[in-house]
PDB file of N, CA and C in Angstrom:
ATOM      1  N   MET A   1     -93.368  34.982 -12.569  1.00  0.00           N
ATOM      2  CA  MET A   1     -92.781  36.141 -13.228  1.00  0.00           C
ATOM      3  C   MET A   1     -91.708  35.664 -14.278  1.00  0.00           C
ATOM      4  N   ASN A   2     -91.555  36.188 -15.381  1.00  0.00           N
ATOM      5  CA  ASN A   2     -90.603  35.840 -16.422  1.00  0.00           C
ATOM      6  C   ASN A   2     -89.093  35.939 -15.764  1.00  0.00           C
ATOM      7  N   GLU A   3     -88.469  34.960 -15.865  1.00  0.00           N
ATOM      8  CA  GLU A   3     -86.979  35.149 -15.408  1.00  0.00           C
ATOM      9  C   GLU A   3     -86.212  36.370 -16.070  1.00  0.00           C
ATOM     10  N   ALA A   4     -86.436  36.551 -17.292  1.00  0.00           N
ATOM     11  CA  ALA A   4     -85.606  37.553 -17.929  1.00  0.00           C
ATOM     12  C   ALA A   4     -86.072  39.079 -17.594  1.00  0.00           C
ATOM     13  N   VAL A   5     -87.128  39.163 -16.806  1.00  0.00           N
ATOM     14  CA  VAL A   5     -87.510  40.551 -16.409  1.00  0.00           C
ATOM     15  C   VAL A   5     -87.371  40.660 -14.809  1.00  0.00           C
ATOM     16  N   ARG A   6     -87.030  39.608 -14.153  1.00  0.00           N
ATOM     17  CA  ARG A   6     -86.779  39.618 -12.859  1.00  0.00           C
ATOM     18  C   ARG A   6     -85.974  40.802 -12.267  1.00  0.00           C
ATOM     19  N   GLU A   7     -86.492  41.533 -11.329  1.00  0.00           N
ATOM     20  CA  GLU A   7     -85.767  42.695 -10.648  1.00  0.00           C
ATOM     21  C   GLU A   7     -84.549  42.133  -9.872  1.00  0.00           C
ATOM     22  N   ILE A   8     -83.604  43.050  -9.885  1.00  0.00           N
ATOM     23  CA  ILE A   8     -82.282  42.768  -9.139  1.00  0.00           C
ATOM     24  C   ILE A   8     -82.486  43.265  -7.634  1.00  0.00           C
ATOM     25  N   PRO A   9     -82.134  42.453  -6.596  1.00  0.00           N
ATOM     26  CA  PRO A   9     -82.363  43.110  -5.387  1.00  0.00           C
ATOM     27  C   PRO A   9     -81.507  44.336  -5.132  1.00  0.00           C
ATOM     28  N   SER A  10     -81.994  45.139  -4.453  1.00  0.00           N
ATOM     29  CA  SER A  10     -81.311  46.518  -4.205  1.00  0.00           C
ATOM     30  C   SER A  10     -79.969  46.431  -3.436  1.00  0.00           C
ATOM     31  N   SER A  11     -79.886  45.244  -2.676  1.00  0.00           N
ATOM     32  CA  SER A  11     -78.542  45.048  -1.940  1.00  0.00           C
ATOM     33  C   SER A  11     -77.367  44.402  -2.936  1.00  0.00           C
ATOM     34  N   GLN A  12     -77.786  44.034  -4.174  1.00  0.00           N
ATOM     35  CA  GLN A  12     -76.828  43.474  -5.026  1.00  0.00           C
ATOM     36  C   GLN A  12     -75.796  44.565  -5.429  1.00  0.00           C
ATOM     37  N   SER A  13     -74.480  44.166  -5.458  1.00  0.00           N
ATOM     38  CA  SER A  13     -73.534  45.219  -5.988  1.00  0.00           C
ATOM     39  C   SER A  13     -73.534  45.632  -7.368  1.00  0.00           C
ATOM     40  N   ALA A  14     -72.994  46.585  -7.815  1.00  0.00           N
ATOM     41  CA  ALA A  14     -72.872  47.117  -9.186  1.00  0.00           C
ATOM     42  C   ALA A  14     -72.437  45.919 -10.175  1.00  0.00           C
ATOM     43  N   LEU A  15     -71.267  45.196  -9.532  1.00  0.00           N
ATOM     44  CA  LEU A  15     -70.778  44.191 -10.353  1.00  0.00           C
ATOM     45  C   LEU A  15     -71.732  42.926 -10.511  1.00  0.00           C
ATOM     46  N   GLY A  16     -72.486  42.724  -9.471  1.00  0.00           N
ATOM     47  CA  GLY A  16     -73.429  41.618  -9.396  1.00  0.00           C
ATOM     48  C   GLY A  16     -74.581  42.079 -10.452  1.00  0.00           C
ATOM     49  N   GLU A  17     -75.028  43.231 -10.361  1.00  0.00           N
ATOM     50  CA  GLU A  17     -76.021  43.694 -11.313  1.00  0.00           C
ATOM     51  C   GLU A  17     -75.652  43.482 -12.720  1.00  0.00           C
ATOM     52  N   CYS A  18     -74.382  43.789 -12.988  1.00  0.00           N
ATOM     53  CA  CYS A  18     -73.947  43.780 -14.409  1.00  0.00           C
ATOM     54  C   CYS A  18     -73.708  42.343 -14.789  1.00  0.00           C
ATOM     55  N   VAL A  19     -73.370  41.259 -13.936  1.00  0.00           N
ATOM     56  CA  VAL A  19     -73.309  40.020 -14.147  1.00  0.00           C
ATOM     57  C   VAL A  19     -74.725  39.476 -14.426  1.00  0.00           C
ATOM     58  N   SER A  20     -75.619  39.789 -13.578  1.00  0.00           N
ATOM     59  CA  SER A  20     -76.911  39.171 -13.618  1.00  0.00           C
ATOM     60  C   SER A  20     -77.713  39.784 -14.937  1.00  0.00           C
ATOM     61  N   ARG A  21     -77.430  41.053 -15.427  1.00  0.00           N
ATOM     62  CA  ARG A  21     -78.044  41.451 -16.799  1.00  0.00           C
ATOM     63  C   ARG A  21     -77.336  40.726 -17.831  1.00  0.00           C
ATOM     64  N   THR A  22     -76.088  40.504 -17.744  1.00  0.00           N
ATOM     65  CA  THR A  22     -75.586  39.856 -18.904  1.00  0.00           C
ATOM     66  C   THR A  22     -75.971  38.463 -19.087  1.00  0.00           C
ATOM     67  N   VAL A  23     -75.913  37.770 -17.887  1.00  0.00           N
ATOM     68  CA  VAL A  23     -76.472  36.323 -17.841  1.00  0.00           C
ATOM     69  C   VAL A  23     -77.886  36.162 -18.481  1.00  0.00           C
ATOM     70  N   ARG A  24     -78.707  37.083 -17.861  1.00  0.00           N
ATOM     71  CA  ARG A  24     -80.160  36.954 -18.489  1.00  0.00           C
ATOM     72  C   ARG A  24     -80.261  37.076 -19.859  1.00  0.00           C
ATOM     73  N   ARG A  25     -79.290  38.261 -20.371  1.00  0.00           N
ATOM     74  CA  ARG A  25     -79.381  38.395 -21.831  1.00  0.00           C
ATOM     75  C   ARG A  25     -78.881  37.364 -22.670  1.00  0.00           C
ATOM     76  N   TYR A  26     -77.915  36.763 -22.133  1.00  0.00           N
ATOM     77  CA  TYR A  26     -77.366  35.661 -22.846  1.00  0.00           C
ATOM     78  C   TYR A  26     -78.230  34.435 -22.784  1.00  0.00           C
ATOM     79  N   LEU A  27     -78.823  34.209 -21.691  1.00  0.00           N
ATOM     80  CA  LEU A  27     -79.865  33.033 -21.722  1.00  0.00           C
ATOM     81  C   LEU A  27     -81.045  33.197 -22.488  1.00  0.00           C
ATOM     82  N   ALA A  28     -81.435  34.406 -22.562  1.00  0.00           N
ATOM     83  CA  ALA A  28     -82.603  34.997 -23.487  1.00  0.00           C
ATOM     84  C   ALA A  28     -82.064  34.758 -24.943  1.00  0.00           C
ATOM     85  N   ASP A  29     -80.845  35.127 -25.250  1.00  0.00           N
ATOM     86  CA  ASP A  29     -80.416  34.868 -26.583  1.00  0.00           C
ATOM     87  C   ASP A  29     -80.288  33.356 -27.085  1.00  0.00           C
ATOM     88  N   ILE A  30     -79.752  32.558 -26.190  1.00  0.00           N
ATOM     89  CA  ILE A  30     -79.569  31.175 -26.679  1.00  0.00           C
ATOM     90  C   ILE A  30     -80.756  30.526 -26.345  1.00  0.00           C
ATOM     91  N   GLY A  31     -81.876  30.761 -25.650  1.00  0.00           N
ATOM     92  CA  GLY A  31     -82.927  30.080 -25.405  1.00  0.00           C
ATOM     93  C   GLY A  31     -82.778  28.651 -24.831  1.00  0.00           C
ATOM     94  N   ASP A  32     -83.268  27.648 -25.608  1.00  0.00           N
ATOM     95  CA  ASP A  32     -83.016  26.273 -25.047  1.00  0.00           C
ATOM     96  C   ASP A  32     -81.792  25.627 -25.664  1.00  0.00           C
ATOM     97  N   THR A  33     -81.023  26.416 -26.465  1.00  0.00           N
ATOM     98  CA  THR A  33     -79.797  25.817 -26.924  1.00  0.00           C
ATOM     99  C   THR A  33     -78.846  25.508 -25.678  1.00  0.00           C
ATOM    100  N   GLU A  34     -78.143  24.377 -25.618  1.00  0.00           N
ATOM    101  CA  GLU A  34     -77.126  24.090 -24.638  1.00  0.00           C
ATOM    102  C   GLU A  34     -75.924  24.608 -24.947  1.00  0.00           C
ATOM    103  N   CYS A  35     -75.268  25.060 -23.950  1.00  0.00           N
ATOM    104  CA  CYS A  35     -73.844  25.620 -24.051  1.00  0.00           C
ATOM    105  C   CYS A  35     -72.845  24.271 -23.902  1.00  0.00           C
ATOM    106  N   SER A  36     -72.090  24.037 -24.905  1.00  0.00           N
ATOM    107  CA  SER A  36     -71.320  22.823 -24.936  1.00  0.00           C
ATOM    108  C   SER A  36     -70.479  22.634 -23.751  1.00  0.00           C
ATOM    109  N   GLU A  37     -69.842  23.906 -23.401  1.00  0.00           N
ATOM    110  CA  GLU A  37     -68.866  23.761 -22.391  1.00  0.00           C
ATOM    111  C   GLU A  37     -69.477  23.839 -20.915  1.00  0.00           C
ATOM    112  N   GLY A  38     -70.733  24.253 -20.936  1.00  0.00           N
ATOM    113  CA  GLY A  38     -71.449  24.580 -19.721  1.00  0.00           C
ATOM    114  C   GLY A  38     -71.370  25.995 -19.408  1.00  0.00           C
ATOM    115  N   LEU A  39     -72.443  26.569 -18.767  1.00  0.00           N
ATOM    116  CA  LEU A  39     -72.475  27.960 -18.661  1.00  0.00           C
ATOM    117  C   LEU A  39     -71.512  28.480 -17.734  1.00  0.00           C
ATOM    118  N   HIS A  40     -71.235  27.643 -16.542  1.00  0.00           N
ATOM    119  CA  HIS A  40     -70.326  28.205 -15.522  1.00  0.00           C
ATOM    120  C   HIS A  40     -68.903  28.278 -16.130  1.00  0.00           C
ATOM    121  N   ALA A  41     -68.437  27.190 -16.926  1.00  0.00           N
ATOM    122  CA  ALA A  41     -67.141  27.285 -17.592  1.00  0.00           C
ATOM    123  C   ALA A  41     -67.036  28.445 -18.550  1.00  0.00           C
ATOM    124  N   LEU A  42     -68.190  28.689 -19.156  1.00  0.00           N
ATOM    125  CA  LEU A  42     -68.007  29.792 -20.188  1.00  0.00           C
ATOM    126  C   LEU A  42     -68.083  31.171 -19.473  1.00  0.00           C
ATOM    127  N   VAL A  43     -68.769  31.417 -18.482  1.00  0.00           N
ATOM    128  CA  VAL A  43     -68.573  32.617 -17.765  1.00  0.00           C
ATOM    129  C   VAL A  43     -67.207  32.879 -17.190  1.00  0.00           C
ATOM    130  N   ILE A  44     -66.732  31.776 -16.503  1.00  0.00           N
ATOM    131  CA  ILE A  44     -65.346  31.965 -15.719  1.00  0.00           C
ATOM    132  C   ILE A  44     -64.301  32.290 -16.932  1.00  0.00           C
ATOM    133  N   ARG A  45     -64.522  31.534 -18.075  1.00  0.00           N
ATOM    134  CA  ARG A  45     -63.528  31.869 -19.184  1.00  0.00           C
ATOM    135  C   ARG A  45     -63.609  33.153 -19.644  1.00  0.00           C
ATOM    136  N   GLU A  46     -64.849  33.721 -19.850  1.00  0.00           N
ATOM    137  CA  GLU A  46     -65.011  35.052 -20.466  1.00  0.00           C
ATOM    138  C   GLU A  46     -64.660  36.129 -19.319  1.00  0.00           C
ATOM    139  N   VAL A  47     -64.962  35.860 -18.128  1.00  0.00           N
ATOM    140  CA  VAL A  47     -64.705  36.968 -17.112  1.00  0.00           C
ATOM    141  C   VAL A  47     -63.242  37.020 -16.560  1.00  0.00           C
ATOM    142  N   GLU A  48     -62.488  35.763 -16.444  1.00  0.00           N
ATOM    143  CA  GLU A  48     -61.360  35.745 -15.822  1.00  0.00           C
ATOM    144  C   GLU A  48     -60.258  36.533 -16.479  1.00  0.00           C
ATOM    145  N   GLY A  49     -60.294  36.501 -17.858  1.00  0.00           N
ATOM    146  CA  GLY A  49     -59.123  37.154 -18.429  1.00  0.00           C
ATOM    147  C   GLY A  49     -59.223  38.578 -18.305  1.00  0.00           C
ATOM    148  N   PRO A  50     -60.352  39.275 -18.634  1.00  0.00           N
ATOM    149  CA  PRO A  50     -60.571  40.598 -18.385  1.00  0.00           C
ATOM    150  C   PRO A  50     -60.347  41.026 -16.814  1.00  0.00           C
ATOM    151  N   LEU A  51     -60.739  40.377 -16.026  1.00  0.00           N
ATOM    152  CA  LEU A  51     -60.430  40.602 -14.701  1.00  0.00           C
ATOM    153  C   LEU A  51     -58.789  40.654 -14.283  1.00  0.00           C
ATOM    154  N   LEU A  52     -58.209  39.526 -14.801  1.00  0.00           N
ATOM    155  CA  LEU A  52     -56.709  39.501 -14.490  1.00  0.00           C
ATOM    156  C   LEU A  52     -56.165  40.842 -15.258  1.00  0.00           C
ATOM    157  N   ARG A  53     -56.499  40.994 -16.393  1.00  0.00           N
ATOM    158  CA  ARG A  53     -55.883  42.168 -17.208  1.00  0.00           C
ATOM    159  C   ARG A  53     -56.111  43.457 -16.576  1.00  0.00           C
ATOM    160  N   GLU A  54     -57.260  43.579 -16.039  1.00  0.00           N
ATOM    161  CA  GLU A  54     -57.433  44.960 -15.414  1.00  0.00           C
ATOM    162  C   GLU A  54     -56.841  45.125 -14.053  1.00  0.00           C
ATOM    163  N   VAL A  55     -56.941  44.058 -13.232  1.00  0.00           N
ATOM    164  CA  VAL A  55     -56.201  44.101 -11.912  1.00  0.00           C
ATOM    165  C   VAL A  55     -54.664  44.325 -12.269  1.00  0.00           C
ATOM    166  N   LEU A  56     -54.189  43.590 -12.897  1.00  0.00           N
ATOM    167  CA  LEU A  56     -52.723  43.768 -13.353  1.00  0.00           C
ATOM    168  C   LEU A  56     -52.380  45.282 -13.829  1.00  0.00           C
ATOM    169  N   ALA A  57     -53.271  45.723 -14.579  1.00  0.00           N
ATOM    170  CA  ALA A  57     -52.969  47.178 -15.160  1.00  0.00           C
ATOM    171  C   ALA A  57     -53.215  48.125 -14.093  1.00  0.00           C
ATOM    172  N   PHE A  58     -54.208  47.883 -13.282  1.00  0.00           N
ATOM    173  CA  PHE A  58     -54.275  48.941 -12.152  1.00  0.00           C
ATOM    174  C   PHE A  58     -53.093  48.868 -11.113  1.00  0.00           C
ATOM    175  N   HIS A  59     -52.452  47.857 -11.095  1.00  0.00           N
ATOM    176  CA  HIS A  59     -51.313  47.718 -10.142  1.00  0.00           C
ATOM    177  C   HIS A  59     -50.046  47.971 -11.022  1.00  0.00           C
ATOM    178  N   ASP A  60     -50.202  48.518 -12.114  1.00  0.00           N
ATOM    179  CA  ASP A  60     -48.962  48.905 -13.011  1.00  0.00           C
ATOM    180  C   ASP A  60     -48.091  47.694 -13.286  1.00  0.00           C
ATOM    181  N   GLY A  61     -48.804  46.482 -13.490  1.00  0.00           N
ATOM    182  CA  GLY A  61     -47.943  45.235 -13.742  1.00  0.00           C
ATOM    183  C   GLY A  61     -47.468  44.362 -12.775  1.00  0.00           C
ATOM    184  N   ASN A  62     -47.599  45.055 -11.439  1.00  0.00           N
ATOM    185  CA  ASN A  62     -46.930  44.417 -10.228  1.00  0.00           C
ATOM    186  C   ASN A  62     -47.713  43.142  -9.995  1.00  0.00           C
ATOM    187  N   GLN A  63     -47.280  41.935 -10.293  1.00  0.00           N
ATOM    188  CA  GLN A  63     -47.963  40.610 -10.322  1.00  0.00           C
ATOM    189  C   GLN A  63     -48.103  40.399  -8.595  1.00  0.00           C
ATOM    190  N   SER A  64     -47.181  40.658  -7.770  1.00  0.00           N
ATOM    191  CA  SER A  64     -47.371  40.433  -6.428  1.00  0.00           C
ATOM    192  C   SER A  64     -48.505  41.170  -5.846  1.00  0.00           C
ATOM    193  N   ARG A  65     -48.699  42.396  -6.219  1.00  0.00           N
ATOM    194  CA  ARG A  65     -49.830  43.195  -5.545  1.00  0.00           C
ATOM    195  C   ARG A  65     -51.119  42.699  -6.285  1.00  0.00           C
ATOM    196  N   ALA A  66     -51.019  42.437  -7.449  1.00  0.00           N
ATOM    197  CA  ALA A  66     -52.248  42.033  -8.232  1.00  0.00           C
ATOM    198  C   ALA A  66     -52.864  40.649  -7.616  1.00  0.00           C
ATOM    199  N   ALA A  67     -51.765  39.769  -7.380  1.00  0.00           N
ATOM    200  CA  ALA A  67     -52.226  38.283  -6.776  1.00  0.00           C
ATOM    201  C   ALA A  67     -52.810  38.569  -5.386  1.00  0.00           C
ATOM    202  N   ALA A  68     -52.152  39.559  -4.630  1.00  0.00           N
ATOM    203  CA  ALA A  68     -52.704  39.781  -3.248  1.00  0.00           C
ATOM    204  C   ALA A  68     -54.124  40.235  -3.410  1.00  0.00           C
ATOM    205  N   VAL A  69     -54.364  41.191  -4.155  1.00  0.00           N
ATOM    206  CA  VAL A  69     -55.782  41.777  -4.369  1.00  0.00           C
ATOM    207  C   VAL A  69     -56.751  40.673  -4.880  1.00  0.00           C
ATOM    208  N   LEU A  70     -56.247  39.754  -5.665  1.00  0.00           N
ATOM    209  CA  LEU A  70     -57.214  38.655  -6.154  1.00  0.00           C
ATOM    210  C   LEU A  70     -57.299  37.595  -5.183  1.00  0.00           C
ATOM    211  N   GLY A  71     -56.410  37.597  -4.179  1.00  0.00           N
ATOM    212  CA  GLY A  71     -56.666  36.620  -3.141  1.00  0.00           C
ATOM    213  C   GLY A  71     -55.978  35.236  -3.710  1.00  0.00           C
ATOM    214  N   ILE A  72     -55.000  35.273  -4.525  1.00  0.00           N
ATOM    215  CA  ILE A  72     -54.274  34.088  -5.055  1.00  0.00           C
ATOM    216  C   ILE A  72     -52.870  34.281  -4.938  1.00  0.00           C
ATOM    217  N   ASN A  73     -52.179  33.240  -5.020  1.00  0.00           N
ATOM    218  CA  ASN A  73     -50.612  33.342  -4.913  1.00  0.00           C
ATOM    219  C   ASN A  73     -50.109  33.779  -6.179  1.00  0.00           C
ATOM    220  N   ARG A  74     -48.862  34.283  -6.207  1.00  0.00           N
ATOM    221  CA  ARG A  74     -48.484  34.859  -7.560  1.00  0.00           C
ATOM    222  C   ARG A  74     -48.066  33.739  -8.475  1.00  0.00           C
ATOM    223  N   ALA A  75     -47.809  32.579  -8.203  1.00  0.00           N
ATOM    224  CA  ALA A  75     -47.600  31.482  -9.101  1.00  0.00           C
ATOM    225  C   ALA A  75     -48.867  31.093  -9.703  1.00  0.00           C
ATOM    226  N   THR A  76     -50.054  31.310  -9.088  1.00  0.00           N
ATOM    227  CA  THR A  76     -51.272  30.751  -9.607  1.00  0.00           C
ATOM    228  C   THR A  76     -51.608  31.954 -10.494  1.00  0.00           C
ATOM    229  N   LEU A  77     -51.398  33.241 -10.206  1.00  0.00           N
ATOM    230  CA  LEU A  77     -51.612  34.446 -11.038  1.00  0.00           C
ATOM    231  C   LEU A  77     -50.893  34.228 -12.404  1.00  0.00           C
ATOM    232  N   ARG A  78     -49.607  33.682 -12.242  1.00  0.00           N
ATOM    233  CA  ARG A  78     -48.859  33.576 -13.549  1.00  0.00           C
ATOM    234  C   ARG A  78     -49.292  32.520 -14.339  1.00  0.00           C
ATOM    235  N   LYS A  79     -49.754  31.509 -13.654  1.00  0.00           N
ATOM    236  CA  LYS A  79     -50.346  30.297 -14.449  1.00  0.00           C
ATOM    237  C   LYS A  79     -51.604  30.651 -15.261  1.00  0.00           C
ATOM    238  N   LYS A  80     -52.523  31.470 -14.576  1.00  0.00           N
ATOM    239  CA  LYS A  80     -53.687  32.068 -15.168  1.00  0.00           C
ATOM    240  C   LYS A  80     -53.352  33.075 -16.234  1.00  0.00           C
ATOM    241  N   LEU A  81     -52.463  33.904 -16.041  1.00  0.00           N
ATOM    242  CA  LEU A  81     -51.987  34.833 -17.032  1.00  0.00           C
ATOM    243  C   LEU A  81     -51.477  34.122 -18.369  1.00  0.00           C
ATOM    244  N   ALA A  82     -50.778  33.103 -18.028  1.00  0.00           N
ATOM    245  CA  ALA A  82     -50.253  32.312 -19.142  1.00  0.00           C
ATOM    246  C   ALA A  82     -51.398  31.562 -19.922  1.00  0.00           C
ATOM    247  N   ALA A  83     -52.253  31.145 -19.292  1.00  0.00           N
ATOM    248  CA  ALA A  83     -53.487  30.379 -19.731  1.00  0.00           C
ATOM    249  C   ALA A  83     -54.307  31.406 -20.789  1.00  0.00           C
ATOM    250  N   HIS A  84     -54.291  32.636 -20.309  1.00  0.00           N
ATOM    251  CA  HIS A  84     -55.014  33.586 -21.061  1.00  0.00           C
ATOM    252  C   HIS A  84     -54.228  34.398 -22.124  1.00  0.00           C
ATOM    253  N   GLY A  85     -53.001  33.895 -22.336  1.00  0.00           N
ATOM    254  CA  GLY A  85     -52.153  34.736 -23.216  1.00  0.00           C
ATOM    255  C   GLY A  85     -51.797  36.168 -22.771  1.00  0.00           C
ATOM    256  N   LEU A  86     -51.692  36.324 -21.401  1.00  0.00           N
ATOM    257  CA  LEU A  86     -51.572  37.594 -20.934  1.00  0.00           C
ATOM    258  C   LEU A  86     -50.012  37.872 -20.297  1.00  0.00           C
ATOM    259  N   LEU A  87     -49.092  36.827 -20.631  1.00  0.00           N
ATOM    260  CA  LEU A  87     -47.858  37.192 -20.248  1.00  0.00           C
ATOM    261  C   LEU A  87     -46.856  37.563 -21.287  1.00  0.00           C
TER     262      LEU A  87
END
């Protein structure tokens, strides 16, 4: 079966489904072209910024609560926020 049309297991979360669809579409778009930084690094870079921004906004800018929800310490959150230009 073609990888681009593989069905998503019904047990997969809505977030997982979104990621699966997006990665399949990206792979179909680039074909055999290599991703210079590696697909994993690209996905993490593209997803981490919006994730941090949304969690922080949901918690009204409270970095301690955002860090707790993300499962990281506040210093790590601040480092990541700075890396993404979100401080």
